[in-house]
Protein backbone atom coordinates (compact mmCIF):
# COMPACT_ATOMS: atom_id res chain seq x y z
CA MET A 1 231.13 67.84 -178.24
CA THR A 2 230.32 65.24 -180.84
CA ASN A 3 229.21 65.96 -184.35
CA THR A 4 226.94 63.51 -186.15
CA GLY A 5 227.03 62.92 -189.86
CA THR A 6 223.30 62.26 -190.18
CA ARG A 7 222.22 65.77 -191.00
CA SER A 8 219.43 65.91 -193.54
CA ARG A 9 219.46 68.53 -196.24
CA ASP A 10 216.61 71.00 -196.24
CA THR A 11 215.78 71.18 -199.92
CA GLY A 12 212.24 72.50 -199.81
CA LEU A 13 209.18 71.51 -201.80
CA PHE A 14 210.04 73.24 -205.09
CA GLN A 15 213.85 72.97 -205.10
CA THR A 16 214.51 69.83 -207.17
CA PRO A 17 212.85 68.62 -210.37
CA PHE A 18 211.64 65.46 -208.60
CA SER A 19 209.91 67.48 -205.87
CA ILE A 20 208.30 69.75 -208.44
CA GLY A 21 207.05 66.77 -210.47
CA ALA A 22 205.71 64.97 -207.40
CA ALA A 23 203.94 68.14 -206.23
CA VAL A 24 202.31 68.54 -209.65
CA VAL A 25 201.21 64.89 -209.66
CA SER A 26 199.79 65.38 -206.17
CA ALA A 27 197.85 68.51 -207.15
CA VAL A 28 196.43 66.90 -210.30
CA SER A 29 195.48 63.80 -208.33
CA PHE A 30 193.62 65.86 -205.73
CA ILE A 31 191.74 67.69 -208.49
CA VAL A 32 190.79 64.36 -210.12
CA ALA A 33 189.70 63.04 -206.71
CA ALA A 34 187.40 66.00 -206.20
CA LEU A 35 185.99 65.64 -209.73
CA VAL A 36 185.34 61.91 -209.38
CA GLY A 37 183.86 62.33 -205.90
CA TRP A 38 181.52 65.10 -207.01
CA THR A 39 180.50 63.23 -210.16
CA GLY A 40 179.71 60.13 -208.10
CA TYR A 41 177.73 62.20 -205.62
CA GLN A 42 175.67 63.72 -208.42
CA GLY A 43 175.14 60.34 -210.07
CA SER A 44 176.20 61.52 -213.50
CA GLU A 45 178.81 60.29 -215.96
CA LEU A 46 182.43 61.29 -216.41
CA MET A 47 183.06 63.68 -219.29
CA VAL A 48 185.95 61.98 -221.04
CA VAL A 49 185.46 58.32 -220.14
CA GLY A 50 181.67 58.20 -220.31
CA THR A 51 181.06 55.77 -217.46
CA GLU A 52 178.16 56.52 -215.18
CA LEU A 53 179.06 56.78 -211.50
CA ASP A 54 176.95 56.31 -208.42
CA ILE A 55 177.80 57.23 -204.85
CA ILE A 56 179.78 54.02 -204.18
CA THR A 57 181.97 54.13 -207.28
CA GLY A 58 182.47 57.86 -206.79
CA ALA A 59 183.65 57.29 -203.22
CA VAL A 60 186.00 54.52 -204.32
CA GLY A 61 187.45 56.69 -207.08
CA PHE A 62 187.78 59.61 -204.69
CA MET A 63 189.64 57.54 -202.10
CA PHE A 64 191.95 55.98 -204.71
CA ALA A 65 192.88 59.32 -206.30
CA ALA A 66 193.26 61.00 -202.90
CA PHE A 67 195.57 58.18 -201.78
CA ILE A 68 197.77 58.70 -204.83
CA GLY A 69 197.79 62.43 -204.08
CA VAL A 70 198.85 61.90 -200.47
CA VAL A 71 201.61 59.47 -201.46
CA ALA A 72 202.93 61.88 -204.10
CA LEU A 73 202.82 64.78 -201.62
CA VAL A 74 204.73 62.81 -199.00
CA ALA A 75 207.28 61.82 -201.63
CA ALA A 76 207.65 65.46 -202.68
CA VAL A 77 208.21 66.66 -199.14
CA TYR A 78 210.34 63.93 -197.61
CA MET A 79 212.26 62.36 -200.50
CA GLU A 80 215.99 62.95 -200.42
CA PRO A 81 217.41 64.54 -203.57
CA GLY A 82 219.14 62.11 -205.87
CA PHE A 83 221.54 62.61 -208.74
CA ASP A 84 219.86 65.84 -209.84
CA TYR A 85 220.88 67.71 -206.67
């Protein structure tokens, strides 16, 4: 029998500080995506920034924030632990 040295460590989503930080960034990004998408759908303005959104700018903001959320979630799940492990 042969034994390979390419075993990956199963660290989990909330095991390392990097994974915890990336999961928090992902959650906040998904919340911002929902807020921007809903604000654009309603045609109102953002609370803090004050810019008025329509359906197109709301959809663009939603897709951008959701993309950042997906990338951060993938990084949290699949990133190998570094020096902090």
